[in-house]
Amino acid sequence: MDLQNNVNELITLRTNGVEDAMKSMKDIESLFDKVTSNYRPLLNGERYLSDVEVSHRLKMSRRTLQDYRDNGTLPYFKLGGKVLYRESDLEALLQRCYHPVISKAASQKFAP
């Protein structure tokens, strides 16, 4: 008789199991939206970034990026009014500008 009562019970959005499932689905949807909003497909093996994205990543102003474009420090593409940068060009720039830390003992060893 108990089983018959359970089968005939009305299931609503407020039912415990349904409420938990709906919360889990909303959490998954939120995570999916977050992941897909940052997705950048590759074009011929390259990822391209806008000046806004690059300025956020490098923590510098868009004006500084313009200076880098103007003086040839950073290569770019201009399509219509949109400026795009190859991710590999950014990585190359960072590698060129990298200054490793040299310990005092190592610097004294090589001093004349």
N, C-alpha and C. Protein backbone atom coordinates (compact mmCIF):
# COMPACT_ATOMS: atom_id res chain seq x y z
N MET A 1 0.82 -1.18 0.00
CA MET A 1 0.00 0.00 0.00
C MET A 1 0.87 1.26 0.00
N ASP A 2 2.02 1.20 0.71
CA ASP A 2 2.94 2.32 0.76
C ASP A 2 3.47 2.65 -0.63
N LEU A 3 3.81 1.63 -1.41
CA LEU A 3 4.32 1.83 -2.76
C LEU A 3 3.27 2.52 -3.62
N GLN A 4 2.01 2.14 -3.47
CA GLN A 4 0.92 2.76 -4.24
C GLN A 4 0.81 4.25 -3.90
N ASN A 5 0.98 4.62 -2.65
CA ASN A 5 0.92 6.02 -2.24
C ASN A 5 2.09 6.81 -2.84
N ASN A 6 3.29 6.20 -2.87
CA ASN A 6 4.46 6.87 -3.43
C ASN A 6 4.29 7.11 -4.93
N VAL A 7 3.71 6.17 -5.65
CA VAL A 7 3.53 6.31 -7.09
C VAL A 7 2.54 7.43 -7.39
N ASN A 8 1.54 7.57 -6.58
CA ASN A 8 0.51 8.58 -6.80
C ASN A 8 0.87 9.95 -6.23
N GLU A 9 2.03 10.06 -5.57
CA GLU A 9 2.43 11.33 -4.97
C GLU A 9 2.74 12.34 -6.08
N LEU A 10 2.31 13.54 -5.88
CA LEU A 10 2.53 14.61 -6.85
C LEU A 10 3.97 15.12 -6.75
N ILE A 11 4.66 15.13 -7.88
CA ILE A 11 6.04 15.62 -7.91
C ILE A 11 6.01 17.05 -8.42
N THR A 12 6.59 17.96 -7.64
CA THR A 12 6.63 19.38 -8.01
C THR A 12 8.07 19.86 -7.96
N LEU A 13 8.28 21.11 -8.34
CA LEU A 13 9.62 21.69 -8.27
C LEU A 13 10.11 21.82 -6.84
N ARG A 14 9.18 21.77 -5.88
CA ARG A 14 9.55 21.90 -4.48
C ARG A 14 9.82 20.55 -3.81
N THR A 15 9.64 19.47 -4.52
CA THR A 15 9.94 18.15 -3.99
C THR A 15 11.46 18.07 -3.77
N ASN A 16 11.89 17.51 -2.64
CA ASN A 16 13.30 17.51 -2.27
C ASN A 16 14.23 17.05 -3.38
N GLY A 17 14.03 15.91 -3.94
CA GLY A 17 14.91 15.39 -4.98
C GLY A 17 14.92 16.27 -6.22
N VAL A 18 13.76 16.76 -6.60
CA VAL A 18 13.66 17.62 -7.79
C VAL A 18 14.35 18.95 -7.53
N GLU A 19 14.17 19.49 -6.36
CA GLU A 19 14.79 20.77 -6.01
C GLU A 19 16.32 20.66 -6.05
N ASP A 20 16.86 19.56 -5.51
CA ASP A 20 18.31 19.34 -5.54
C ASP A 20 18.81 19.17 -6.97
N ALA A 21 18.06 18.43 -7.78
CA ALA A 21 18.46 18.22 -9.18
C ALA A 21 18.45 19.53 -9.96
N MET A 22 17.46 20.37 -9.73
CA MET A 22 17.38 21.67 -10.41
C MET A 22 18.56 22.56 -10.02
N LYS A 23 18.93 22.54 -8.74
CA LYS A 23 20.08 23.34 -8.29
C LYS A 23 21.35 22.84 -8.96
N SER A 24 21.52 21.53 -9.03
CA SER A 24 22.71 20.96 -9.68
C SER A 24 22.75 21.34 -11.16
N MET A 25 21.61 21.31 -11.83
CA MET A 25 21.58 21.67 -13.25
C MET A 25 21.91 23.14 -13.44
N LYS A 26 21.46 24.01 -12.54
CA LYS A 26 21.79 25.43 -12.63
C LYS A 26 23.28 25.65 -12.40
N ASP A 27 23.89 24.90 -11.47
CA ASP A 27 25.32 25.00 -11.22
C ASP A 27 26.11 24.56 -12.46
N ILE A 28 25.67 23.49 -13.10
CA ILE A 28 26.33 23.00 -14.30
C ILE A 28 26.19 24.00 -15.43
N GLU A 29 25.02 24.59 -15.58
CA GLU A 29 24.80 25.59 -16.62
C GLU A 29 25.70 26.81 -16.40
N SER A 30 25.84 27.23 -15.16
CA SER A 30 26.70 28.37 -14.84
C SER A 30 28.15 28.06 -15.17
N LEU A 31 28.61 26.88 -14.82
CA LEU A 31 29.98 26.46 -15.14
C LEU A 31 30.19 26.37 -16.65
N PHE A 32 29.23 25.82 -17.36
CA PHE A 32 29.30 25.72 -18.82
C PHE A 32 29.40 27.10 -19.46
N ASP A 33 28.58 28.04 -18.99
CA ASP A 33 28.62 29.41 -19.52
C ASP A 33 29.98 30.05 -19.28
N LYS A 34 30.54 29.82 -18.11
CA LYS A 34 31.85 30.39 -17.78
C LYS A 34 32.94 29.81 -18.68
N VAL A 35 32.93 28.51 -18.88
CA VAL A 35 33.94 27.86 -19.72
C VAL A 35 33.80 28.29 -21.18
N THR A 36 32.60 28.31 -21.70
CA THR A 36 32.42 28.63 -23.12
C THR A 36 32.59 30.11 -23.42
N SER A 37 32.44 30.98 -22.43
CA SER A 37 32.62 32.41 -22.69
C SER A 37 34.08 32.74 -22.98
N ASN A 38 35.02 31.95 -22.48
CA ASN A 38 36.45 32.18 -22.70
C ASN A 38 37.02 31.32 -23.83
N TYR A 39 36.19 30.56 -24.49
CA TYR A 39 36.67 29.66 -25.54
C TYR A 39 37.07 30.44 -26.78
N ARG A 40 38.24 30.17 -27.28
CA ARG A 40 38.76 30.78 -28.51
C ARG A 40 39.19 29.67 -29.44
N PRO A 41 38.47 29.45 -30.54
CA PRO A 41 38.89 28.39 -31.46
C PRO A 41 40.19 28.78 -32.16
N LEU A 42 40.94 27.78 -32.56
CA LEU A 42 42.18 28.00 -33.28
C LEU A 42 41.89 28.25 -34.75
N LEU A 43 42.70 29.08 -35.38
CA LEU A 43 42.61 29.33 -36.81
C LEU A 43 43.99 29.01 -37.37
N ASN A 44 44.09 27.93 -38.12
CA ASN A 44 45.39 27.45 -38.63
C ASN A 44 46.39 27.25 -37.50
N GLY A 45 45.94 26.72 -36.40
CA GLY A 45 46.82 26.45 -35.26
C GLY A 45 47.16 27.65 -34.40
N GLU A 46 46.60 28.80 -34.69
CA GLU A 46 46.88 30.03 -33.94
C GLU A 46 45.62 30.52 -33.24
N ARG A 47 45.83 31.14 -32.10
CA ARG A 47 44.74 31.78 -31.37
C ARG A 47 44.98 33.29 -31.46
N TYR A 48 43.95 34.04 -31.79
CA TYR A 48 44.04 35.48 -31.95
C TYR A 48 43.28 36.18 -30.83
N LEU A 49 43.86 37.27 -30.32
CA LEU A 49 43.26 38.00 -29.21
C LEU A 49 43.06 39.45 -29.59
N SER A 50 41.99 40.05 -29.06
CA SER A 50 41.72 41.47 -29.30
C SER A 50 42.62 42.32 -28.41
N ASP A 51 42.67 43.62 -28.68
CA ASP A 51 43.50 44.50 -27.86
C ASP A 51 42.98 44.56 -26.42
N VAL A 52 41.68 44.44 -26.25
CA VAL A 52 41.11 44.43 -24.89
C VAL A 52 41.59 43.20 -24.13
N GLU A 53 41.55 42.04 -24.79
CA GLU A 53 42.00 40.80 -24.14
C GLU A 53 43.49 40.86 -23.81
N VAL A 54 44.29 41.38 -24.73
CA VAL A 54 45.73 41.47 -24.50
C VAL A 54 46.03 42.44 -23.36
N SER A 55 45.36 43.58 -23.33
CA SER A 55 45.61 44.54 -22.27
C SER A 55 45.25 43.96 -20.90
N HIS A 56 44.20 43.13 -20.83
CA HIS A 56 43.85 42.47 -19.57
C HIS A 56 44.91 41.44 -19.19
N ARG A 57 45.34 40.65 -20.16
CA ARG A 57 46.32 39.60 -19.87
C ARG A 57 47.66 40.16 -19.42
N LEU A 58 48.11 41.23 -20.10
CA LEU A 58 49.41 41.80 -19.79
C LEU A 58 49.35 42.90 -18.73
N LYS A 59 48.15 43.21 -18.29
CA LYS A 59 47.94 44.24 -17.25
C LYS A 59 48.56 45.57 -17.69
N MET A 60 48.24 45.97 -18.92
CA MET A 60 48.70 47.25 -19.43
C MET A 60 47.57 47.91 -20.20
N SER A 61 47.71 49.21 -20.41
CA SER A 61 46.64 49.94 -21.07
C SER A 61 46.63 49.66 -22.57
N ARG A 62 45.50 49.91 -23.18
CA ARG A 62 45.39 49.77 -24.63
C ARG A 62 46.25 50.81 -25.32
N ARG A 63 46.49 51.93 -24.68
CA ARG A 63 47.36 52.97 -25.24
C ARG A 63 48.80 52.48 -25.32
N THR A 64 49.25 51.75 -24.30
CA THR A 64 50.60 51.16 -24.34
C THR A 64 50.70 50.16 -25.47
N LEU A 65 49.65 49.36 -25.66
CA LEU A 65 49.65 48.42 -26.79
C LEU A 65 49.76 49.17 -28.11
N GLN A 66 49.10 50.31 -28.20
CA GLN A 66 49.19 51.11 -29.42
C GLN A 66 50.63 51.59 -29.62
N ASP A 67 51.29 51.99 -28.56
CA ASP A 67 52.70 52.39 -28.65
C ASP A 67 53.55 51.22 -29.14
N TYR A 68 53.29 50.01 -28.62
CA TYR A 68 54.04 48.82 -29.05
C TYR A 68 53.80 48.55 -30.54
N ARG A 69 52.57 48.77 -30.99
CA ARG A 69 52.28 48.60 -32.43
C ARG A 69 53.03 49.65 -33.24
N ASP A 70 52.96 50.89 -32.79
CA ASP A 70 53.55 52.01 -33.53
C ASP A 70 55.07 51.88 -33.65
N ASN A 71 55.74 51.40 -32.59
CA ASN A 71 57.20 51.31 -32.66
C ASN A 71 57.70 49.94 -33.10
N GLY A 72 56.79 49.04 -33.48
CA GLY A 72 57.18 47.75 -34.02
C GLY A 72 57.56 46.71 -32.98
N THR A 73 57.26 46.96 -31.72
CA THR A 73 57.57 46.01 -30.66
C THR A 73 56.70 44.76 -30.74
N LEU A 74 55.44 44.94 -31.11
CA LEU A 74 54.49 43.84 -31.13
C LEU A 74 53.76 43.79 -32.46
N PRO A 75 53.90 42.67 -33.21
CA PRO A 75 53.18 42.56 -34.48
C PRO A 75 51.67 42.43 -34.25
N TYR A 76 50.91 42.83 -35.24
CA TYR A 76 49.45 42.79 -35.11
C TYR A 76 48.80 42.71 -36.49
N PHE A 77 47.52 42.41 -36.48
CA PHE A 77 46.68 42.43 -37.68
C PHE A 77 45.61 43.48 -37.47
N LYS A 78 45.26 44.16 -38.53
CA LYS A 78 44.16 45.12 -38.43
C LYS A 78 43.15 44.77 -39.51
N LEU A 79 41.97 44.37 -39.06
CA LEU A 79 40.87 44.01 -39.95
C LEU A 79 39.76 45.02 -39.74
N GLY A 80 39.55 45.87 -40.72
CA GLY A 80 38.60 46.95 -40.53
C GLY A 80 39.12 47.83 -39.42
N GLY A 81 38.35 48.00 -38.38
CA GLY A 81 38.80 48.79 -37.24
C GLY A 81 39.25 47.94 -36.07
N LYS A 82 39.30 46.63 -36.26
CA LYS A 82 39.64 45.73 -35.15
C LYS A 82 41.10 45.31 -35.23
N VAL A 83 41.80 45.41 -34.11
CA VAL A 83 43.20 45.01 -34.01
C VAL A 83 43.26 43.64 -33.33
N LEU A 84 44.01 42.72 -33.94
CA LEU A 84 44.16 41.37 -33.39
C LEU A 84 45.64 41.04 -33.25
N TYR A 85 45.95 40.26 -32.21
CA TYR A 85 47.31 39.83 -31.94
C TYR A 85 47.34 38.31 -31.90
N ARG A 86 48.41 37.72 -32.44
CA ARG A 86 48.59 36.28 -32.31
C ARG A 86 49.11 35.98 -30.92
N GLU A 87 48.56 34.97 -30.31
CA GLU A 87 48.99 34.58 -28.98
C GLU A 87 50.47 34.20 -28.99
N SER A 88 50.93 33.56 -30.05
CA SER A 88 52.34 33.16 -30.14
C SER A 88 53.26 34.38 -30.20
N ASP A 89 52.81 35.48 -30.82
CA ASP A 89 53.61 36.71 -30.85
C ASP A 89 53.75 37.31 -29.45
N LEU A 90 52.68 37.22 -28.67
CA LEU A 90 52.75 37.71 -27.28
C LEU A 90 53.74 36.89 -26.47
N GLU A 91 53.68 35.56 -26.64
CA GLU A 91 54.60 34.69 -25.92
C GLU A 91 56.04 34.97 -26.32
N ALA A 92 56.28 35.20 -27.61
CA ALA A 92 57.63 35.51 -28.10
C ALA A 92 58.13 36.83 -27.50
N LEU A 93 57.26 37.84 -27.42
CA LEU A 93 57.63 39.12 -26.83
C LEU A 93 58.01 38.94 -25.36
N LEU A 94 57.22 38.18 -24.64
CA LEU A 94 57.52 37.95 -23.23
C LEU A 94 58.85 37.21 -23.07
N GLN A 95 59.14 36.25 -23.94
CA GLN A 95 60.41 35.53 -23.87
C GLN A 95 61.59 36.47 -24.14
N ARG A 96 61.43 37.36 -25.15
CA ARG A 96 62.51 38.31 -25.47
C ARG A 96 62.77 39.27 -24.32
N CYS A 97 61.74 39.62 -23.59
CA CYS A 97 61.87 40.61 -22.52
C CYS A 97 62.17 39.98 -21.16
N TYR A 98 62.32 38.67 -21.13
CA TYR A 98 62.55 37.96 -19.87
C TYR A 98 63.97 38.20 -19.37
N HIS A 99 64.11 38.55 -18.12
CA HIS A 99 65.41 38.75 -17.48
C HIS A 99 65.48 37.80 -16.29
N PRO A 100 66.24 36.71 -16.42
CA PRO A 100 66.31 35.76 -15.31
C PRO A 100 67.05 36.35 -14.11
N VAL A 101 66.74 35.85 -12.95
CA VAL A 101 67.39 36.28 -11.72
C VAL A 101 68.74 35.58 -11.64
N ILE A 102 69.76 36.34 -11.40
CA ILE A 102 71.09 35.76 -11.22
C ILE A 102 71.48 36.00 -9.77
N SER A 103 71.82 34.93 -9.11
CA SER A 103 72.17 35.07 -7.70
C SER A 103 73.47 35.85 -7.56
N LYS A 104 73.70 36.43 -6.39
CA LYS A 104 74.93 37.20 -6.14
C LYS A 104 76.15 36.33 -6.30
N ALA A 105 76.08 35.09 -5.86
CA ALA A 105 77.23 34.19 -5.95
C ALA A 105 77.58 33.93 -7.41
N ALA A 106 76.56 33.72 -8.23
CA ALA A 106 76.79 33.47 -9.66
C ALA A 106 77.33 34.72 -10.35
N SER A 107 76.83 35.90 -10.00
CA SER A 107 77.29 37.12 -10.65
C SER A 107 78.73 37.44 -10.25
N GLN A 108 79.12 37.10 -9.02
CA GLN A 108 80.50 37.33 -8.58
C GLN A 108 81.46 36.37 -9.26
N LYS A 109 80.98 35.18 -9.55
CA LYS A 109 81.80 34.17 -10.20
C LYS A 109 82.20 34.63 -11.59
N PHE A 110 81.31 35.34 -12.28
CA PHE A 110 81.55 35.77 -13.65
C PHE A 110 82.09 37.20 -13.73
N ALA A 111 82.24 37.88 -12.61
CA ALA A 111 82.72 39.26 -12.61
C ALA A 111 84.22 39.29 -12.93
N PRO A 112 84.66 40.32 -13.68
CA PRO A 112 86.09 40.40 -14.03
C PRO A 112 86.97 40.72 -12.83
